[in-house]
């Protein structure tokens, strides 16, 4: 959400009216969430806090965050102890691991579904390992549209198929502990999720990806610093720079936003070495990645490391373009960039990434031509 987003414009103009026509019906949920938070480890954030009804329940160390200044002005009456912050859900102004918990009651519903993975990646970065997360969203299949019966016309909403929501949370690095399926006052389906920030890496993915880079799984070191292929001995970033895929070293967010290079992992569980993973984990992970690819339609998927593709798809696979893609999306498999794979020189790793990018560009060109012709 940006300052000129229609939803924010509605809340800026009609915040007091919105407060007068709504009620804090989830105070019991907020109180239960507060009991899950360890207040000695940092503040809790109320994301999309509105007038601060739930900020007042979440305790003394609470950050009330909203994109609408008019809503934050109302927080002073409801939760005078709260630290008020005007910010975008997709670009949180917090340090790495600085938050002890996050309450998000019907706030991510105002983002386009395709932008939620990156927003949750930013939240994952901001939370300490083990911090609880409460997410309340709408069920359905609406991508950032208006509601015909909305009494505050102009707002945009997204609603989620249940399994896609769970995939996105898993990809964002959260362990889902409970899903409460509810029916709202208007008879609409809603999901209330209790989750925990896992010691892993979040996906950095979104619409319009050129290449989706898929690692085997995060190393513990990479998970702890928040950067895939982050150890100094790993040659991925040097190869990506040499191949021209990225222009900034060890910056997954800029790789996505500036160059359309997304990142995920076959398995989300962080381990010291990839050989700790099982074939069952690789196959389950490939199912999630396939659904992600079907949804966001990158130009190509580049699997870094042969072990995962061999375990999940073709035990005789060799590096290069694979005969079977993921749905209609082509797949390229390249050798591991780990320093343990010394037999593959850096120049060859860069060549593989160039080939994967060329595969993606060709597919996107043909897909665009087919769309224009269709």
Protein backbone atom coordinates (compact mmCIF):
# COMPACT_ATOMS: atom_id res chain seq x y z
CA UNK A 1 0.00 0.00 0.00
CA UNK A 2 1.28 3.44 -0.94
CA UNK A 3 0.11 6.89 0.26
CA UNK A 4 -2.01 7.30 -2.89
CA UNK A 5 -3.63 3.86 -2.54
CA UNK A 6 -7.45 4.20 -2.75
CA UNK A 7 -7.89 2.24 0.48
CA UNK A 8 -5.63 4.59 2.41
CA UNK A 9 -7.42 7.57 0.90
CA UNK A 10 -10.72 6.22 2.27
CA UNK A 11 -9.28 5.73 5.75
CA UNK A 12 -7.59 9.14 5.76
CA UNK A 13 -10.85 10.87 4.83
CA UNK A 14 -13.25 8.81 6.97
CA UNK A 15 -11.27 7.44 9.94
CA UNK A 16 -13.52 8.91 12.62
CA UNK A 17 -16.65 7.75 10.82
CA UNK A 18 -15.19 4.25 10.42
CA UNK A 19 -14.46 4.08 14.14
CA UNK A 20 -17.98 5.18 15.04
CA UNK A 21 -19.52 2.45 12.86
CA UNK A 22 -17.31 -0.45 13.90
CA UNK A 23 -16.65 -2.32 17.16
CA UNK A 24 -13.57 -4.14 18.53
CA UNK A 25 -15.07 -7.62 18.34
CA UNK A 26 -11.76 -9.52 18.60
CA UNK A 27 -10.51 -8.26 21.96
CA UNK A 28 -10.51 -11.80 23.39
CA UNK A 29 -8.27 -12.93 20.52
CA UNK A 30 -5.92 -10.03 21.23
CA UNK A 31 -5.74 -10.91 24.92
CA UNK A 32 -4.98 -14.54 24.07
CA UNK A 33 -2.29 -13.44 21.63
CA UNK A 34 -0.71 -11.20 24.26
CA UNK A 35 -0.22 -14.26 26.45
CA UNK A 36 1.83 -15.89 23.67
CA UNK A 37 4.30 -12.99 23.54
CA UNK A 38 7.43 -12.83 25.67
CA UNK A 39 7.56 -9.08 26.45
CA UNK A 40 11.19 -9.31 27.61
CA UNK A 41 12.37 -9.96 24.04
CA UNK A 42 11.08 -6.77 22.43
CA UNK A 43 7.91 -4.91 21.46
CA UNK A 44 4.86 -6.38 19.76
CA UNK A 45 3.50 -4.68 16.65
CA UNK A 46 -0.17 -4.08 15.83
CA UNK A 47 -0.09 -4.11 12.01
CA UNK A 48 -2.84 -2.01 10.50
CA UNK A 49 -3.82 -0.85 13.95
CA UNK A 50 -6.73 1.37 12.90
CA UNK A 51 -7.94 3.44 15.90
CA UNK A 52 -5.88 1.34 18.32
CA UNK A 53 -8.57 -0.85 19.84
CA UNK A 54 -6.32 -3.89 19.91
CA UNK A 55 -3.16 -1.92 20.63
CA UNK A 56 -4.73 -1.13 23.99
CA UNK A 57 -5.04 -4.87 24.71
CA UNK A 58 -1.61 -5.95 23.48
CA UNK A 59 0.32 -4.51 26.40
CA UNK A 60 2.59 -1.62 27.22
CA UNK A 61 5.36 -2.46 24.76
CA UNK A 62 3.24 -2.14 21.61
CA UNK A 63 3.92 -0.41 18.30
CA UNK A 64 0.74 0.80 16.61
CA UNK A 65 1.45 0.82 12.87
CA UNK A 66 -0.86 2.06 10.16
CA UNK A 67 -0.52 3.56 6.70
CA UNK A 68 -3.23 6.16 7.43
CA UNK A 69 -2.20 9.10 9.60
CA UNK A 70 -5.85 9.80 10.46
CA UNK A 71 -6.14 6.37 12.06
CA UNK A 72 -2.96 6.89 14.07
CA UNK A 73 -4.35 10.17 15.39
CA UNK A 74 -7.20 8.15 16.94
CA UNK A 75 -4.79 5.75 18.66
CA UNK A 76 -3.87 8.41 21.23
CA UNK A 77 -7.34 8.04 22.78
CA UNK A 78 -7.49 4.23 22.78
CA UNK A 79 -3.86 3.34 23.53
CA UNK A 80 -1.95 6.40 24.74
CA UNK A 81 1.01 4.21 25.74
CA UNK A 82 1.53 2.89 22.18
CA UNK A 83 4.36 4.00 19.93
CA UNK A 84 2.64 5.24 16.79
CA UNK A 85 4.30 4.57 13.43
CA UNK A 86 3.02 5.48 9.98
CA UNK A 87 4.39 2.92 7.55
CA UNK A 88 3.63 0.55 4.71
CA UNK A 89 2.90 -3.10 5.53
CA UNK A 90 5.18 -4.07 2.65
CA UNK A 91 8.16 -2.02 3.91
CA UNK A 92 8.35 -2.25 7.68
CA UNK A 93 10.77 0.15 9.42
CA UNK A 94 12.15 -2.34 11.96
CA UNK A 95 15.55 -3.89 12.55
CA UNK A 96 16.34 -7.54 11.94
CA UNK A 97 14.78 -9.70 14.66
CA UNK A 98 13.66 -6.68 16.69
CA UNK A 99 10.00 -7.61 17.30
CA UNK A 100 8.63 -10.08 19.86
CA UNK A 101 5.33 -10.65 18.08
CA UNK A 102 2.99 -9.37 15.36
CA UNK A 103 -0.79 -8.97 15.45
CA UNK A 104 -2.36 -8.47 12.00
CA UNK A 105 -6.15 -8.39 12.20
CA UNK A 106 -7.63 -7.85 8.73
CA UNK A 107 -4.74 -5.69 7.58
CA UNK A 108 -3.09 -7.86 4.89
CA UNK A 109 -6.55 -8.12 3.31
CA UNK A 110 -5.87 -4.71 1.74
CA UNK A 111 -2.80 -5.91 -0.19
CA UNK A 112 -2.86 -7.63 -3.55
CA UNK A 113 -2.39 -11.36 -2.92
CA UNK A 114 0.64 -11.43 -5.20
CA UNK A 115 2.39 -8.79 -3.06
CA UNK A 116 1.75 -10.56 0.27
CA UNK A 117 4.71 -13.00 0.06
CA UNK A 118 7.23 -10.14 -0.07
CA UNK A 119 5.37 -8.25 2.67
CA UNK A 120 5.48 -11.33 4.88
CA UNK A 121 9.17 -11.77 4.08
CA UNK A 122 9.70 -8.28 5.49
CA UNK A 123 7.72 -9.23 8.59
CA UNK A 124 9.77 -12.42 8.96
CA UNK A 125 12.93 -10.31 8.86
CA UNK A 126 11.57 -8.07 11.60
CA UNK A 127 10.53 -10.81 14.03
CA UNK A 128 12.84 -12.75 16.32
CA UNK A 129 12.96 -16.53 15.89
CA UNK A 130 10.04 -18.12 17.74
CA UNK A 131 7.96 -14.93 17.83
CA UNK A 132 4.20 -15.49 17.48
CA UNK A 133 2.11 -14.15 14.62
CA UNK A 134 -1.67 -13.64 14.48
CA UNK A 135 -3.12 -13.18 10.98
CA UNK A 136 -6.82 -12.66 10.26
CA UNK A 137 -7.84 -12.63 6.58
CA UNK A 138 -10.86 -13.31 4.41
CA UNK A 139 -11.47 -16.59 2.62
CA UNK A 140 -12.43 -16.59 -1.03
CA UNK A 141 -10.77 -15.82 -4.34
CA UNK A 142 -10.61 -12.05 -4.81
CA UNK A 143 -7.44 -10.33 -5.99
CA UNK A 144 -7.40 -6.72 -4.74
CA UNK A 145 -10.87 -5.76 -5.84
CA UNK A 146 -13.73 -3.70 -4.47
CA UNK A 147 -16.79 -5.10 -2.73
CA UNK A 148 -20.17 -4.09 -4.16
CA UNK A 149 -21.79 -3.73 -0.73
CA UNK A 150 -18.88 -1.97 1.01
CA UNK A 151 -20.20 0.87 3.17
CA UNK A 152 -16.82 2.60 2.77
CA UNK A 153 -16.70 2.42 -1.01
CA UNK A 154 -13.36 2.54 -2.76
CA UNK A 155 -11.44 0.21 -0.48
CA UNK A 156 -9.71 -2.76 -2.09
CA UNK A 157 -9.62 -6.25 -0.66
CA UNK A 158 -8.08 -9.62 -1.33
CA UNK A 159 -9.43 -12.93 -0.13
CA UNK A 160 -7.67 -16.28 -0.05
CA UNK A 161 -8.21 -19.92 -0.94
CA UNK A 162 -7.25 -21.75 2.25
CA UNK A 163 -4.45 -23.91 0.84
CA UNK A 164 -2.85 -21.03 -1.03
CA UNK A 165 -2.78 -18.98 2.15
CA UNK A 166 -1.06 -21.80 4.01
CA UNK A 167 1.48 -22.19 1.18
CA UNK A 168 2.30 -18.49 1.31
CA UNK A 169 2.78 -18.53 5.07
CA UNK A 170 5.05 -21.58 4.83
CA UNK A 171 7.01 -19.95 2.03
CA UNK A 172 7.35 -16.81 4.12
CA UNK A 173 9.04 -18.81 6.87
CA UNK A 174 6.21 -19.28 9.37
CA UNK A 175 5.15 -22.49 11.09
CA UNK A 176 1.35 -22.55 11.16
CA UNK A 177 0.09 -23.92 14.47
CA UNK A 178 -3.66 -23.46 14.14
CA UNK A 179 -6.22 -22.33 11.59
CA UNK A 180 -9.59 -21.16 12.89
CA UNK A 181 -12.21 -21.15 10.13
CA UNK A 182 -14.89 -18.60 10.96
CA UNK A 183 -18.00 -17.12 9.42
CA UNK A 184 -18.22 -13.33 9.60
CA UNK A 185 -21.26 -11.24 10.36
CA UNK A 186 -22.06 -10.93 6.66
CA UNK A 187 -21.77 -14.69 6.18
CA UNK A 188 -18.31 -14.43 4.67
CA UNK A 189 -15.55 -16.99 5.24
CA UNK A 190 -12.60 -15.89 7.38
CA UNK A 191 -9.35 -17.50 8.53
CA UNK A 192 -7.62 -16.73 11.82
CA UNK A 193 -4.08 -18.09 11.78
CA UNK A 194 -1.77 -18.69 14.74
CA UNK A 195 1.81 -19.06 13.53
CA UNK A 196 5.41 -18.77 14.69
CA UNK A 197 8.43 -17.21 13.01
CA UNK A 198 10.65 -20.16 12.06
CA UNK A 199 14.44 -20.28 11.88
CA UNK A 200 14.53 -20.32 8.09
CA UNK A 201 14.53 -18.02 5.08
CA UNK A 202 11.40 -16.42 3.64
CA UNK A 203 10.65 -16.53 -0.06
CA UNK A 204 11.33 -13.32 -1.95
CA UNK A 205 8.82 -13.73 -4.76
CA UNK A 206 6.20 -11.71 -6.57
CA UNK A 207 4.50 -11.10 -9.90
CA UNK A 208 6.53 -10.55 -13.05
CA UNK A 209 9.54 -12.67 -12.10
CA UNK A 210 12.12 -13.30 -14.80
CA UNK A 211 13.74 -16.24 -12.99
CA UNK A 212 12.74 -18.01 -9.80
CA UNK A 213 15.94 -19.34 -8.19
CA UNK A 214 15.27 -22.39 -6.03
CA UNK A 215 17.86 -23.61 -3.56
CA UNK A 216 17.83 -26.99 -1.85
CA UNK A 217 17.20 -25.59 1.65
CA UNK A 218 18.59 -22.76 3.80
CA UNK A 219 21.79 -23.35 5.70
CA UNK A 220 21.54 -22.46 9.38
CA UNK A 221 24.01 -19.64 8.73
CA UNK A 222 21.90 -18.19 5.89
CA UNK A 223 18.74 -18.48 7.98
CA UNK A 224 20.37 -16.61 10.84
CA UNK A 225 21.56 -13.70 8.68
CA UNK A 226 18.43 -13.63 6.52
CA UNK A 227 20.16 -14.02 3.14
CA UNK A 228 20.06 -17.06 0.88
CA UNK A 229 23.47 -18.41 -0.18
CA UNK A 230 24.79 -15.99 2.40
CA UNK A 231 28.00 -17.67 3.57
CA UNK A 232 31.18 -16.13 2.19
CA UNK A 233 32.32 -19.40 0.61
CA UNK A 234 29.12 -19.81 -1.42
CA UNK A 235 29.61 -18.64 -5.02
CA UNK A 236 25.97 -17.93 -5.93
CA UNK A 237 26.04 -14.16 -5.56
CA UNK A 238 29.38 -13.78 -7.31
CA UNK A 239 28.05 -15.89 -10.19
CA UNK A 240 24.78 -13.92 -10.34
CA UNK A 241 26.73 -10.66 -10.49
CA UNK A 242 29.05 -12.01 -13.17
CA UNK A 243 26.09 -13.28 -15.19
CA UNK A 244 24.33 -9.91 -15.00
CA UNK A 245 21.28 -11.25 -13.18
CA UNK A 246 21.73 -8.82 -10.26
CA UNK A 247 23.68 -5.66 -9.54
CA UNK A 248 23.87 -5.84 -5.74
CA UNK A 249 25.61 -8.51 -3.71
CA UNK A 250 23.58 -10.51 -1.16
CA UNK A 251 20.39 -8.46 -1.50
CA UNK A 252 17.44 -10.76 -2.33
CA UNK A 253 14.84 -8.00 -2.05
CA UNK A 254 16.57 -5.74 -4.59
CA UNK A 255 17.21 -8.76 -6.81
CA UNK A 256 13.44 -9.26 -7.00
CA UNK A 257 12.33 -5.64 -7.22
CA UNK A 258 15.07 -4.40 -9.57
CA UNK A 259 15.73 -7.46 -11.73
CA UNK A 260 12.83 -9.90 -11.33
CA UNK A 261 15.02 -12.56 -9.72
CA UNK A 262 12.97 -14.36 -7.08
CA UNK A 263 14.26 -16.82 -4.50
CA UNK A 264 12.79 -19.81 -2.71
CA UNK A 265 13.90 -23.23 -1.43
CA UNK A 266 12.67 -26.74 -2.07
CA UNK A 267 12.70 -27.44 1.66
CA UNK A 268 12.20 -24.68 4.23
CA UNK A 269 13.91 -26.52 7.10
CA UNK A 270 17.34 -25.06 7.78
CA UNK A 271 20.20 -27.51 8.27
CA UNK A 272 24.00 -27.25 8.50
CA UNK A 273 24.28 -29.38 5.33
CA UNK A 274 21.81 -30.25 2.56
CA UNK A 275 22.59 -33.97 2.87
CA UNK A 276 20.46 -33.99 6.04
CA UNK A 277 17.31 -33.73 3.90
CA UNK A 278 15.12 -36.66 2.89
CA UNK A 279 13.57 -37.61 -0.42
CA UNK A 280 10.12 -37.18 1.14
CA UNK A 281 10.99 -33.58 2.09
CA UNK A 282 12.22 -32.82 -1.42
CA UNK A 283 9.05 -34.22 -2.99
CA UNK A 284 6.73 -32.37 -0.63
CA UNK A 285 8.72 -29.19 -1.23
CA UNK A 286 8.47 -29.59 -4.99
CA UNK A 287 4.69 -29.75 -4.70
CA UNK A 288 4.69 -26.39 -2.90
CA UNK A 289 7.11 -24.85 -5.40
CA UNK A 290 5.00 -26.14 -8.29
CA UNK A 291 1.92 -24.44 -6.87
CA UNK A 292 3.93 -21.24 -6.39
CA UNK A 293 5.08 -21.36 -10.02
CA UNK A 294 1.56 -22.06 -11.29
CA UNK A 295 0.38 -18.98 -9.41
CA UNK A 296 3.10 -16.42 -10.14
CA UNK A 297 4.28 -17.70 -13.55
CA UNK A 298 7.99 -16.80 -13.64
CA UNK A 299 9.85 -17.03 -16.94
CA UNK A 300 11.80 -20.05 -15.72
CA UNK A 301 12.79 -21.87 -12.54
CA UNK A 302 16.48 -22.43 -11.86
CA UNK A 303 17.23 -25.15 -9.31
CA UNK A 304 20.62 -24.61 -7.69
CA UNK A 305 21.99 -28.04 -6.85
CA UNK A 306 21.17 -31.29 -8.61
CA UNK A 307 20.27 -33.26 -5.48
CA UNK A 308 16.76 -31.89 -5.05
CA UNK A 309 15.64 -32.36 -8.65
CA UNK A 310 17.18 -35.81 -8.76
CA UNK A 311 15.43 -36.83 -5.53
CA UNK A 312 12.04 -35.40 -6.46
CA UNK A 313 11.84 -35.80 -10.26
CA UNK A 314 14.64 -37.51 -12.18
CA UNK A 315 17.45 -39.38 -10.45
CA UNK A 316 19.50 -39.32 -13.67
CA UNK A 317 19.15 -35.59 -14.34
CA UNK A 318 22.18 -33.64 -15.52
CA UNK A 319 22.76 -29.91 -15.43
CA UNK A 320 20.92 -27.89 -18.04
CA UNK A 321 17.40 -27.50 -19.38
CA UNK A 322 15.15 -30.31 -18.13
CA UNK A 323 12.82 -32.23 -20.43
CA UNK A 324 9.96 -31.74 -17.97
CA UNK A 325 9.14 -28.32 -16.60
CA UNK A 326 6.79 -27.29 -13.82
CA UNK A 327 3.50 -27.06 -15.67
CA UNK A 328 4.12 -24.72 -18.58
CA UNK A 329 7.19 -23.14 -16.97
CA UNK A 330 10.62 -24.40 -18.11
CA UNK A 331 13.16 -25.67 -15.59
CA UNK A 332 16.93 -25.33 -15.57
CA UNK A 333 19.07 -27.29 -13.11
CA UNK A 334 22.61 -26.18 -12.30
CA UNK A 335 25.37 -27.47 -10.03
CA UNK A 336 25.57 -26.42 -6.40
CA UNK A 337 27.24 -23.08 -5.75
CA UNK A 338 28.54 -24.26 -2.37
CA UNK A 339 32.25 -23.96 -1.76
CA UNK A 340 32.19 -27.72 -1.16
CA UNK A 341 31.55 -28.15 -4.90
CA UNK A 342 35.07 -27.10 -5.88
CA UNK A 343 35.02 -29.05 -9.14
CA UNK A 344 32.65 -26.48 -10.71
CA UNK A 345 34.57 -23.21 -11.31
CA UNK A 346 32.90 -19.81 -10.77
CA UNK A 347 32.90 -19.03 -14.50
CA UNK A 348 30.88 -22.18 -15.19
CA UNK A 349 28.36 -21.27 -12.47
CA UNK A 350 27.90 -17.87 -14.12
CA UNK A 351 27.40 -19.57 -17.49
CA UNK A 352 24.66 -21.73 -16.01
CA UNK A 353 22.85 -18.68 -14.63
CA UNK A 354 23.12 -16.93 -18.00
CA UNK A 355 21.62 -19.99 -19.67
CA UNK A 356 18.77 -20.06 -17.15
CA UNK A 357 18.07 -16.37 -17.78
CA UNK A 358 18.12 -16.91 -21.55
CA UNK A 359 15.66 -19.79 -21.12
CA UNK A 360 13.38 -17.50 -19.12
CA UNK A 361 13.61 -14.66 -21.63
CA UNK A 362 12.75 -16.99 -24.51
CA UNK A 363 9.78 -18.41 -22.65
CA UNK A 364 8.49 -14.97 -21.66
CA UNK A 365 8.85 -13.77 -25.25
CA UNK A 366 6.92 -16.75 -26.58
CA UNK A 367 4.31 -16.46 -23.85
CA UNK A 368 3.85 -12.77 -24.60
CA UNK A 369 3.53 -13.51 -28.30
CA UNK A 370 0.97 -16.21 -27.65
CA UNK A 371 -1.03 -13.87 -25.43
CA UNK A 372 -0.96 -11.13 -28.06
CA UNK A 373 -1.93 -13.56 -30.76
CA UNK A 374 -4.64 -15.21 -28.65
